[in-house]
Amino acid sequence: MKFLYLLWFSFIILACSNKPNYDPSSSLNGKEKDEFVWKIIRYTAKAPDGLLYEERFYPAYDSFYRYQASRHRLEAYFVNDNNEHYFLLSRPAPSMVEKRVAIGGKVVFDKKGNLSEYEEIFRTWKLIPDTLKRRSYMLFDKMVRNQDLTSFLTKNSKGEEYIEFPDDLNYFDKEKRRWMQK
């Protein structure tokens, strides 16, 4: 009987949970995840040294960006009622120990599946994987819920590393689809 109460109580807690499922595998299969990353990789990945911004879209660099896509992981994904696709990607970061950086943003696709809007909301500091997972998932949830992330900016986070960008010098320009300096 205790087992039934425990099972029922667990069901009630899960049913009342107001947290959406952000697991990319719950809404995208493997091929769809790869296609999603491919559509945004030229914005999220670092370009080859010496490349002009516009050149990153040239087909001659497809193999470079295929490699970059293989290094990125789609950590979280959510589509809201306005058809805005929220994403959380992570990639390895240079460090003496294993660290990753996460990118949280949103995209909108047109009826043909082409990117019509792209915005990066935040980029985290380089963090060890466990810390990155906790902090970036929390930031992702707040981003999806349109909650203010100001307290997680470096100048406001009281020494805790959460968001590296934006900051007082860098912002994301939605029209140009890239980080710019003020």
N, C-alpha and C. Protein backbone atom coordinates (compact mmCIF):
# COMPACT_ATOMS: atom_id res chain seq x y z
N MET A 1 0.83 -1.19 0.00
CA MET A 1 0.00 0.00 0.00
C MET A 1 0.88 1.26 0.00
N LYS A 2 1.97 1.25 0.78
CA LYS A 2 2.87 2.41 0.80
C LYS A 2 3.43 2.66 -0.59
N PHE A 3 3.70 1.56 -1.30
CA PHE A 3 4.24 1.68 -2.65
C PHE A 3 3.25 2.41 -3.56
N LEU A 4 1.97 2.07 -3.44
CA LEU A 4 0.96 2.73 -4.27
C LEU A 4 0.85 4.22 -3.94
N TYR A 5 0.92 4.57 -2.66
CA TYR A 5 0.89 5.98 -2.27
C TYR A 5 2.10 6.72 -2.82
N LEU A 6 3.25 6.08 -2.72
CA LEU A 6 4.48 6.68 -3.21
C LEU A 6 4.40 6.86 -4.74
N LEU A 7 3.91 5.86 -5.43
CA LEU A 7 3.76 5.94 -6.87
C LEU A 7 2.77 7.05 -7.25
N TRP A 8 1.65 7.11 -6.56
CA TRP A 8 0.64 8.14 -6.82
C TRP A 8 1.19 9.53 -6.53
N PHE A 9 1.89 9.68 -5.43
CA PHE A 9 2.49 10.96 -5.06
C PHE A 9 3.51 11.39 -6.13
N SER A 10 4.33 10.45 -6.59
CA SER A 10 5.31 10.76 -7.63
C SER A 10 4.63 11.21 -8.91
N PHE A 11 3.55 10.53 -9.26
CA PHE A 11 2.80 10.90 -10.45
C PHE A 11 2.23 12.32 -10.33
N ILE A 12 1.69 12.65 -9.18
CA ILE A 12 1.12 13.99 -8.93
C ILE A 12 2.22 15.05 -9.07
N ILE A 13 3.38 14.79 -8.47
CA ILE A 13 4.48 15.76 -8.54
C ILE A 13 4.90 15.97 -9.99
N LEU A 14 5.06 14.89 -10.74
CA LEU A 14 5.46 15.02 -12.14
C LEU A 14 4.39 15.70 -12.97
N ALA A 15 3.15 15.40 -12.72
CA ALA A 15 2.05 15.99 -13.48
C ALA A 15 1.92 17.48 -13.21
N CYS A 16 2.23 17.89 -12.00
CA CYS A 16 2.09 19.30 -11.63
C CYS A 16 3.32 20.12 -11.99
N SER A 17 4.36 19.46 -12.39
CA SER A 17 5.59 20.16 -12.73
C SER A 17 5.32 21.11 -13.89
N ASN A 18 5.80 22.33 -13.76
CA ASN A 18 5.58 23.35 -14.78
C ASN A 18 6.81 23.50 -15.67
N LYS A 19 7.75 22.58 -15.57
CA LYS A 19 8.99 22.70 -16.31
C LYS A 19 8.89 21.93 -17.63
N PRO A 20 9.07 22.63 -18.75
CA PRO A 20 9.03 21.95 -20.05
C PRO A 20 10.19 20.96 -20.19
N ASN A 21 10.04 20.04 -21.10
CA ASN A 21 11.09 19.08 -21.39
C ASN A 21 12.05 19.71 -22.40
N TYR A 22 13.29 19.93 -22.00
CA TYR A 22 14.28 20.56 -22.86
C TYR A 22 15.22 19.56 -23.53
N ASP A 23 15.00 18.28 -23.31
CA ASP A 23 15.85 17.27 -23.92
C ASP A 23 15.63 17.28 -25.43
N PRO A 24 16.69 17.60 -26.21
CA PRO A 24 16.53 17.65 -27.66
C PRO A 24 15.99 16.35 -28.26
N SER A 25 16.33 15.22 -27.65
CA SER A 25 15.89 13.92 -28.18
C SER A 25 14.39 13.71 -28.02
N SER A 26 13.74 14.51 -27.20
CA SER A 26 12.29 14.35 -27.03
C SER A 26 11.51 14.96 -28.19
N SER A 27 12.16 15.86 -28.97
CA SER A 27 11.45 16.46 -30.09
C SER A 27 12.19 16.36 -31.42
N LEU A 28 13.47 15.96 -31.39
CA LEU A 28 14.25 15.83 -32.62
C LEU A 28 14.94 14.47 -32.64
N ASN A 29 14.95 13.82 -33.81
CA ASN A 29 15.73 12.60 -33.92
C ASN A 29 17.19 12.99 -34.23
N GLY A 30 18.06 12.02 -34.33
CA GLY A 30 19.48 12.30 -34.55
C GLY A 30 19.75 13.12 -35.78
N LYS A 31 19.08 12.79 -36.88
CA LYS A 31 19.28 13.52 -38.13
C LYS A 31 18.78 14.96 -37.99
N GLU A 32 17.64 15.14 -37.36
CA GLU A 32 17.09 16.49 -37.17
C GLU A 32 17.98 17.33 -36.27
N LYS A 33 18.57 16.73 -35.24
CA LYS A 33 19.51 17.46 -34.38
C LYS A 33 20.71 17.92 -35.19
N ASP A 34 21.25 17.01 -36.00
CA ASP A 34 22.40 17.37 -36.84
C ASP A 34 22.05 18.49 -37.82
N GLU A 35 20.86 18.41 -38.42
CA GLU A 35 20.42 19.44 -39.36
C GLU A 35 20.25 20.79 -38.66
N PHE A 36 19.72 20.76 -37.44
CA PHE A 36 19.54 22.01 -36.70
C PHE A 36 20.90 22.65 -36.42
N VAL A 37 21.83 21.86 -35.92
CA VAL A 37 23.18 22.39 -35.63
C VAL A 37 23.82 22.90 -36.92
N TRP A 38 23.66 22.17 -38.02
CA TRP A 38 24.25 22.60 -39.28
C TRP A 38 23.70 23.95 -39.73
N LYS A 39 22.42 24.21 -39.49
CA LYS A 39 21.81 25.48 -39.91
C LYS A 39 22.36 26.67 -39.13
N ILE A 40 22.87 26.45 -37.93
CA ILE A 40 23.34 27.59 -37.12
C ILE A 40 24.85 27.58 -36.87
N ILE A 41 25.56 26.54 -37.30
CA ILE A 41 26.96 26.38 -36.93
C ILE A 41 27.86 27.52 -37.42
N ARG A 42 27.55 28.11 -38.54
CA ARG A 42 28.41 29.17 -39.07
C ARG A 42 28.27 30.45 -38.24
N TYR A 43 27.25 30.51 -37.40
CA TYR A 43 27.11 31.63 -36.47
C TYR A 43 27.76 31.30 -35.13
N THR A 44 27.57 30.08 -34.66
CA THR A 44 28.02 29.72 -33.31
C THR A 44 29.49 29.35 -33.23
N ALA A 45 30.03 28.76 -34.30
CA ALA A 45 31.42 28.31 -34.27
C ALA A 45 32.38 29.44 -34.61
N LYS A 46 33.59 29.31 -34.13
CA LYS A 46 34.62 30.27 -34.50
C LYS A 46 35.02 30.01 -35.94
N ALA A 47 35.26 31.08 -36.68
CA ALA A 47 35.67 30.97 -38.07
C ALA A 47 37.16 30.65 -38.16
N PRO A 48 37.61 30.13 -39.30
CA PRO A 48 39.04 29.93 -39.49
C PRO A 48 39.78 31.27 -39.38
N ASP A 49 41.01 31.22 -38.91
CA ASP A 49 41.81 32.44 -38.77
C ASP A 49 41.90 33.19 -40.10
N GLY A 50 41.74 34.49 -40.04
CA GLY A 50 41.90 35.34 -41.21
C GLY A 50 40.70 35.40 -42.13
N LEU A 51 39.64 34.71 -41.80
CA LEU A 51 38.46 34.67 -42.66
C LEU A 51 37.59 35.90 -42.40
N LEU A 52 37.15 36.55 -43.45
CA LEU A 52 36.20 37.64 -43.30
C LEU A 52 34.85 37.06 -42.90
N TYR A 53 34.05 37.83 -42.18
CA TYR A 53 32.78 37.32 -41.67
C TYR A 53 31.91 36.73 -42.79
N GLU A 54 31.80 37.42 -43.90
CA GLU A 54 30.94 36.97 -44.99
C GLU A 54 31.45 35.67 -45.62
N GLU A 55 32.75 35.43 -45.57
CA GLU A 55 33.34 34.25 -46.19
C GLU A 55 32.97 32.95 -45.47
N ARG A 56 32.54 33.04 -44.24
CA ARG A 56 32.19 31.83 -43.49
C ARG A 56 31.03 31.08 -44.14
N PHE A 57 30.28 31.74 -44.99
CA PHE A 57 29.13 31.12 -45.64
C PHE A 57 29.48 30.50 -47.01
N TYR A 58 30.70 30.65 -47.45
CA TYR A 58 31.13 30.08 -48.73
C TYR A 58 31.18 28.56 -48.64
N PRO A 59 30.68 27.86 -49.65
CA PRO A 59 30.72 26.39 -49.66
C PRO A 59 32.13 25.81 -49.50
N ALA A 60 33.14 26.56 -49.88
CA ALA A 60 34.52 26.08 -49.75
C ALA A 60 34.88 25.76 -48.30
N TYR A 61 34.14 26.31 -47.34
CA TYR A 61 34.44 26.08 -45.92
C TYR A 61 33.50 25.05 -45.28
N ASP A 62 32.72 24.36 -46.09
CA ASP A 62 31.80 23.35 -45.55
C ASP A 62 32.51 22.31 -44.70
N SER A 63 33.64 21.80 -45.16
CA SER A 63 34.33 20.75 -44.40
C SER A 63 34.81 21.28 -43.04
N PHE A 64 35.26 22.52 -42.99
CA PHE A 64 35.67 23.11 -41.72
C PHE A 64 34.48 23.18 -40.77
N TYR A 65 33.33 23.62 -41.28
CA TYR A 65 32.15 23.75 -40.42
C TYR A 65 31.51 22.40 -40.09
N ARG A 66 31.68 21.41 -40.95
CA ARG A 66 31.23 20.05 -40.59
C ARG A 66 32.01 19.56 -39.38
N TYR A 67 33.32 19.81 -39.40
CA TYR A 67 34.15 19.42 -38.24
C TYR A 67 33.70 20.20 -37.00
N GLN A 68 33.47 21.48 -37.13
CA GLN A 68 33.01 22.28 -35.99
C GLN A 68 31.68 21.76 -35.46
N ALA A 69 30.78 21.41 -36.36
CA ALA A 69 29.47 20.88 -35.93
C ALA A 69 29.65 19.60 -35.13
N SER A 70 30.62 18.78 -35.49
CA SER A 70 30.85 17.53 -34.76
C SER A 70 31.36 17.77 -33.35
N ARG A 71 31.94 18.93 -33.10
CA ARG A 71 32.46 19.27 -31.78
C ARG A 71 31.42 19.94 -30.88
N HIS A 72 30.34 20.39 -31.46
CA HIS A 72 29.26 21.04 -30.72
C HIS A 72 28.21 20.01 -30.32
N ARG A 73 27.62 20.23 -29.15
CA ARG A 73 26.53 19.36 -28.68
C ARG A 73 25.29 20.21 -28.44
N LEU A 74 24.18 19.73 -28.95
CA LEU A 74 22.90 20.37 -28.68
C LEU A 74 22.45 19.86 -27.32
N GLU A 75 22.60 20.69 -26.30
CA GLU A 75 22.35 20.30 -24.91
C GLU A 75 20.88 20.43 -24.53
N ALA A 76 20.23 21.48 -25.04
CA ALA A 76 18.82 21.72 -24.71
C ALA A 76 18.16 22.37 -25.91
N TYR A 77 16.85 22.12 -26.02
CA TYR A 77 16.11 22.60 -27.19
C TYR A 77 14.64 22.74 -26.79
N PHE A 78 14.02 23.82 -27.27
CA PHE A 78 12.62 24.05 -26.96
C PHE A 78 12.01 24.94 -28.04
N VAL A 79 10.82 24.61 -28.48
CA VAL A 79 10.09 25.44 -29.45
C VAL A 79 8.84 25.95 -28.75
N ASN A 80 8.67 27.28 -28.73
CA ASN A 80 7.49 27.85 -28.07
C ASN A 80 6.33 27.99 -29.05
N ASP A 81 5.23 28.55 -28.58
CA ASP A 81 4.02 28.69 -29.39
C ASP A 81 4.20 29.66 -30.56
N ASN A 82 5.21 30.54 -30.49
CA ASN A 82 5.49 31.49 -31.56
C ASN A 82 6.47 30.93 -32.59
N ASN A 83 6.74 29.63 -32.49
CA ASN A 83 7.68 28.94 -33.38
C ASN A 83 9.11 29.47 -33.26
N GLU A 84 9.47 29.95 -32.07
CA GLU A 84 10.85 30.33 -31.79
C GLU A 84 11.54 29.09 -31.25
N HIS A 85 12.66 28.74 -31.87
CA HIS A 85 13.43 27.56 -31.48
C HIS A 85 14.56 28.01 -30.56
N TYR A 86 14.45 27.67 -29.28
CA TYR A 86 15.49 28.01 -28.31
C TYR A 86 16.50 26.88 -28.29
N PHE A 87 17.78 27.23 -28.21
CA PHE A 87 18.82 26.22 -28.21
C PHE A 87 19.88 26.52 -27.16
N LEU A 88 20.51 25.46 -26.72
CA LEU A 88 21.68 25.54 -25.85
C LEU A 88 22.71 24.60 -26.45
N LEU A 89 23.78 25.17 -26.98
CA LEU A 89 24.87 24.39 -27.55
C LEU A 89 26.08 24.50 -26.65
N SER A 90 26.90 23.46 -26.62
CA SER A 90 28.18 23.57 -25.93
C SER A 90 29.27 23.09 -26.86
N ARG A 91 30.48 23.56 -26.60
CA ARG A 91 31.64 23.15 -27.39
C ARG A 91 32.86 23.14 -26.47
N PRO A 92 33.88 22.36 -26.84
CA PRO A 92 35.10 22.35 -26.04
C PRO A 92 35.75 23.73 -26.03
N ALA A 93 36.39 24.05 -24.91
CA ALA A 93 37.09 25.32 -24.79
C ALA A 93 38.56 25.04 -24.46
N PRO A 94 39.47 25.84 -24.97
CA PRO A 94 40.88 25.63 -24.66
C PRO A 94 41.14 25.76 -23.16
N SER A 95 41.81 24.77 -22.60
CA SER A 95 42.07 24.78 -21.16
C SER A 95 43.03 23.64 -20.83
N MET A 96 43.69 23.74 -19.68
CA MET A 96 44.57 22.67 -19.20
C MET A 96 43.75 21.47 -18.74
N VAL A 97 42.52 21.71 -18.30
CA VAL A 97 41.60 20.64 -17.90
C VAL A 97 40.38 20.73 -18.80
N GLU A 98 39.58 19.67 -18.84
CA GLU A 98 38.40 19.68 -19.71
C GLU A 98 37.43 20.77 -19.29
N LYS A 99 37.16 21.67 -20.24
CA LYS A 99 36.17 22.73 -20.04
C LYS A 99 35.38 22.90 -21.32
N ARG A 100 34.18 23.43 -21.17
CA ARG A 100 33.32 23.71 -22.31
C ARG A 100 32.71 25.09 -22.12
N VAL A 101 32.23 25.65 -23.20
CA VAL A 101 31.50 26.91 -23.18
C VAL A 101 30.12 26.63 -23.78
N ALA A 102 29.10 27.31 -23.28
CA ALA A 102 27.74 27.11 -23.79
C ALA A 102 27.22 28.39 -24.41
N ILE A 103 26.37 28.21 -25.41
CA ILE A 103 25.76 29.31 -26.13
C ILE A 103 24.25 29.11 -26.07
N GLY A 104 23.55 30.10 -25.56
CA GLY A 104 22.09 30.04 -25.49
C GLY A 104 21.50 31.07 -26.43
N GLY A 105 20.53 30.65 -27.23
CA GLY A 105 19.93 31.59 -28.16
C GLY A 105 18.62 31.09 -28.72
N LYS A 106 18.15 31.80 -29.73
CA LYS A 106 16.89 31.39 -30.36
C LYS A 106 16.94 31.71 -31.85
N VAL A 107 16.21 30.92 -32.61
CA VAL A 107 16.12 31.10 -34.05
C VAL A 107 14.66 30.96 -34.48
N VAL A 108 14.37 31.55 -35.62
CA VAL A 108 13.06 31.41 -36.26
C VAL A 108 13.35 31.01 -37.70
N PHE A 109 12.57 30.04 -38.18
CA PHE A 109 12.72 29.59 -39.56
C PHE A 109 11.51 30.02 -40.38
N ASP A 110 11.75 30.28 -41.65
CA ASP A 110 10.63 30.61 -42.54
C ASP A 110 9.92 29.31 -42.97
N LYS A 111 8.92 29.43 -43.81
CA LYS A 111 8.12 28.27 -44.22
C LYS A 111 8.93 27.24 -45.00
N LYS A 112 10.04 27.67 -45.61
CA LYS A 112 10.89 26.75 -46.36
C LYS A 112 11.98 26.12 -45.48
N GLY A 113 11.99 26.49 -44.20
CA GLY A 113 12.99 25.93 -43.29
C GLY A 113 14.30 26.70 -43.26
N ASN A 114 14.32 27.87 -43.89
CA ASN A 114 15.51 28.71 -43.87
C ASN A 114 15.50 29.62 -42.65
N LEU A 115 16.66 29.94 -42.18
CA LEU A 115 16.81 30.81 -41.03
C LEU A 115 16.33 32.22 -41.36
N SER A 116 15.35 32.72 -40.62
CA SER A 116 14.89 34.09 -40.86
C SER A 116 15.30 35.02 -39.72
N GLU A 117 15.48 34.46 -38.52
CA GLU A 117 15.98 35.24 -37.38
C GLU A 117 16.96 34.38 -36.60
N TYR A 118 17.99 35.04 -36.08
CA TYR A 118 18.99 34.35 -35.26
C TYR A 118 19.46 35.31 -34.18
N GLU A 119 19.50 34.82 -32.96
CA GLU A 119 19.97 35.65 -31.85
C GLU A 119 20.64 34.78 -30.80
N GLU A 120 21.83 35.20 -30.39
CA GLU A 120 22.48 34.58 -29.24
C GLU A 120 22.17 35.45 -28.03
N ILE A 121 21.59 34.85 -27.02
CA ILE A 121 21.21 35.58 -25.81
C ILE A 121 22.38 35.64 -24.83
N PHE A 122 23.11 34.53 -24.72
CA PHE A 122 24.26 34.51 -23.82
C PHE A 122 25.30 33.50 -24.26
N ARG A 123 26.53 33.75 -23.82
CA ARG A 123 27.63 32.80 -23.90
C ARG A 123 28.23 32.71 -22.51
N THR A 124 28.45 31.50 -22.09
CA THR A 124 28.98 31.31 -20.74
C THR A 124 30.50 31.42 -20.74
N TRP A 125 31.02 31.47 -19.55
CA TRP A 125 32.46 31.34 -19.35
C TRP A 125 32.84 29.90 -19.61
N LYS A 126 34.13 29.63 -19.82
CA LYS A 126 34.63 28.26 -19.91
C LYS A 126 34.47 27.64 -18.53
N LEU A 127 33.80 26.51 -18.46
CA LEU A 127 33.54 25.85 -17.17
C LEU A 127 33.74 24.35 -17.30
N ILE A 128 34.06 23.71 -16.18
CA ILE A 128 34.15 22.25 -16.21
C ILE A 128 32.76 21.70 -16.50
N PRO A 129 32.66 20.55 -17.15
CA PRO A 129 31.37 20.06 -17.64
C PRO A 129 30.24 20.02 -16.62
N ASP A 130 30.48 19.54 -15.40
CA ASP A 130 29.39 19.46 -14.42
C ASP A 130 28.86 20.84 -14.05
N THR A 131 29.77 21.77 -13.84
CA THR A 131 29.36 23.14 -13.49
C THR A 131 28.65 23.79 -14.66
N LEU A 132 29.19 23.60 -15.86
CA LEU A 132 28.57 24.17 -17.04
C LEU A 132 27.15 23.65 -17.21
N LYS A 133 26.97 22.36 -17.02
CA LYS A 133 25.64 21.78 -17.19
C LYS A 133 24.64 22.42 -16.24
N ARG A 134 24.98 22.50 -14.96
CA ARG A 134 24.06 23.09 -13.97
C ARG A 134 23.74 24.54 -14.30
N ARG A 135 24.77 25.31 -14.54
CA ARG A 135 24.57 26.75 -14.75
C ARG A 135 23.91 27.05 -16.09
N SER A 136 24.35 26.39 -17.15
CA SER A 136 23.79 26.71 -18.47
C SER A 136 22.34 26.24 -18.60
N TYR A 137 21.99 25.11 -17.99
CA TYR A 137 20.59 24.66 -18.04
C TYR A 137 19.69 25.61 -17.27
N MET A 138 20.19 26.12 -16.15
CA MET A 138 19.40 27.09 -15.38
C MET A 138 19.20 28.37 -16.21
N LEU A 139 20.28 28.84 -16.86
CA LEU A 139 20.18 30.03 -17.70
C LEU A 139 19.24 29.77 -18.89
N PHE A 140 19.32 28.58 -19.47
CA PHE A 140 18.44 28.23 -20.58
C PHE A 140 16.98 28.28 -20.16
N ASP A 141 16.67 27.71 -19.01
CA ASP A 141 15.29 27.72 -18.52
C ASP A 141 14.80 29.15 -18.33
N LYS A 142 15.63 29.99 -17.75
CA LYS A 142 15.24 31.40 -17.56
C LYS A 142 15.06 32.10 -18.91
N MET A 143 15.94 31.79 -19.87
CA MET A 143 15.84 32.40 -21.20
C MET A 143 14.51 32.00 -21.86
N VAL A 144 14.18 30.72 -21.83
CA VAL A 144 12.94 30.24 -22.44
C VAL A 144 11.73 30.91 -21.80
N ARG A 145 11.80 31.14 -20.51
CA ARG A 145 10.69 31.75 -19.78
C ARG A 145 10.72 33.29 -19.84
N ASN A 146 11.64 33.83 -20.64
CA ASN A 146 11.81 35.28 -20.78
C ASN A 146 12.07 35.98 -19.46
N GLN A 147 12.81 35.33 -18.59
CA GLN A 147 13.19 35.93 -17.31
C GLN A 147 14.50 36.70 -17.47
N ASP A 148 14.67 37.68 -16.63
CA ASP A 148 15.83 38.55 -16.68
C ASP A 148 17.10 37.79 -16.30
N LEU A 149 18.15 37.92 -17.11
CA LEU A 149 19.43 37.27 -16.85
C LEU A 149 20.48 38.25 -16.32
N THR A 150 20.10 39.48 -16.06
CA THR A 150 21.04 40.52 -15.66
C THR A 150 21.86 40.14 -14.44
N SER A 151 21.28 39.47 -13.48
CA SER A 151 22.03 39.14 -12.25
C SER A 151 23.12 38.10 -12.51
N PHE A 152 23.13 37.46 -13.69
CA PHE A 152 24.13 36.45 -14.02
C PHE A 152 25.25 36.99 -14.91
N LEU A 153 25.14 38.27 -15.28
CA LEU A 153 26.24 38.90 -16.00
C LEU A 153 27.43 39.02 -15.07
N THR A 154 28.62 39.01 -15.60
CA THR A 154 29.84 39.01 -14.79
C THR A 154 29.86 40.15 -13.77
N LYS A 155 29.47 41.34 -14.18
CA LYS A 155 29.53 42.49 -13.27
C LYS A 155 28.54 42.37 -12.11
N ASN A 156 27.54 41.49 -12.22
CA ASN A 156 26.52 41.36 -11.19
C ASN A 156 26.54 40.02 -10.46
N SER A 157 27.40 39.11 -10.86
CA SER A 157 27.32 37.73 -10.35
C SER A 157 28.18 37.46 -9.12
N LYS A 158 28.74 38.48 -8.52
CA LYS A 158 29.48 38.38 -7.26
C LYS A 158 30.57 37.31 -7.29
N GLY A 159 31.34 37.31 -8.38
CA GLY A 159 32.47 36.40 -8.48
C GLY A 159 32.15 35.03 -9.04
N GLU A 160 30.90 34.69 -9.20
CA GLU A 160 30.51 33.41 -9.80
C GLU A 160 30.50 33.58 -11.32
N GLU A 161 31.06 32.62 -12.03
CA GLU A 161 31.11 32.71 -13.49
C GLU A 161 29.88 32.06 -14.10
N TYR A 162 29.08 32.88 -14.75
CA TYR A 162 27.90 32.42 -15.48
C TYR A 162 28.01 32.89 -16.93
N ILE A 163 27.67 34.15 -17.16
CA ILE A 163 27.62 34.71 -18.52
C ILE A 163 28.86 35.56 -18.77
N GLU A 164 29.61 35.19 -19.81
CA GLU A 164 30.75 36.01 -20.22
C GLU A 164 30.29 37.13 -21.15
N PHE A 165 29.38 36.78 -22.10
CA PHE A 165 28.83 37.76 -23.03
C PHE A 165 27.33 37.64 -23.04
N PRO A 166 26.60 38.71 -23.07
CA PRO A 166 27.04 40.09 -23.24
C PRO A 166 27.69 40.64 -21.97
N ASP A 167 28.41 41.72 -22.17
CA ASP A 167 29.01 42.45 -21.05
C ASP A 167 29.00 43.94 -21.40
N ASP A 168 29.75 44.74 -20.65
CA ASP A 168 29.74 46.18 -20.89
C ASP A 168 30.33 46.57 -22.24
N LEU A 169 31.15 45.70 -22.84
CA LEU A 169 31.80 46.02 -24.11
C LEU A 169 31.22 45.27 -25.31
N ASN A 170 30.59 44.14 -25.08
CA ASN A 170 30.14 43.27 -26.17
C ASN A 170 28.64 43.04 -26.11
N TYR A 171 28.02 43.06 -27.27
CA TYR A 171 26.59 42.80 -27.37
C TYR A 171 26.33 42.02 -28.64
N PHE A 172 25.19 41.34 -28.70
CA PHE A 172 24.85 40.61 -29.90
C PHE A 172 23.95 41.47 -30.77
N ASP A 173 24.38 41.69 -32.01
CA ASP A 173 23.62 42.47 -32.98
C ASP A 173 22.74 41.51 -33.78
N LYS A 174 21.43 41.58 -33.58
CA LYS A 174 20.51 40.65 -34.25
C LYS A 174 20.47 40.86 -35.76
N GLU A 175 20.62 42.09 -36.20
CA GLU A 175 20.60 42.36 -37.65
C GLU A 175 21.83 41.76 -38.33
N LYS A 176 23.00 41.92 -37.72
CA LYS A 176 24.24 41.40 -38.31
C LYS A 176 24.50 39.95 -37.92
N ARG A 177 23.74 39.47 -36.92
CA ARG A 177 23.84 38.09 -36.44
C ARG A 177 25.24 37.75 -35.95
N ARG A 178 25.81 38.67 -35.17
CA ARG A 178 27.13 38.41 -34.59
C ARG A 178 27.39 39.33 -33.40
N TRP A 179 28.37 38.92 -32.61
CA TRP A 179 28.77 39.71 -31.46
C TRP A 179 29.56 40.92 -31.95
N MET A 180 29.27 42.06 -31.36
CA MET A 180 29.91 43.32 -31.74
C MET A 180 30.40 44.01 -30.47
N GLN A 181 31.32 44.93 -30.66
CA GLN A 181 31.78 45.76 -29.54
C GLN A 181 31.09 47.10 -29.60
N LYS A 182 30.81 47.64 -28.42
CA LYS A 182 30.12 48.94 -28.33
C LYS A 182 31.07 50.05 -28.71
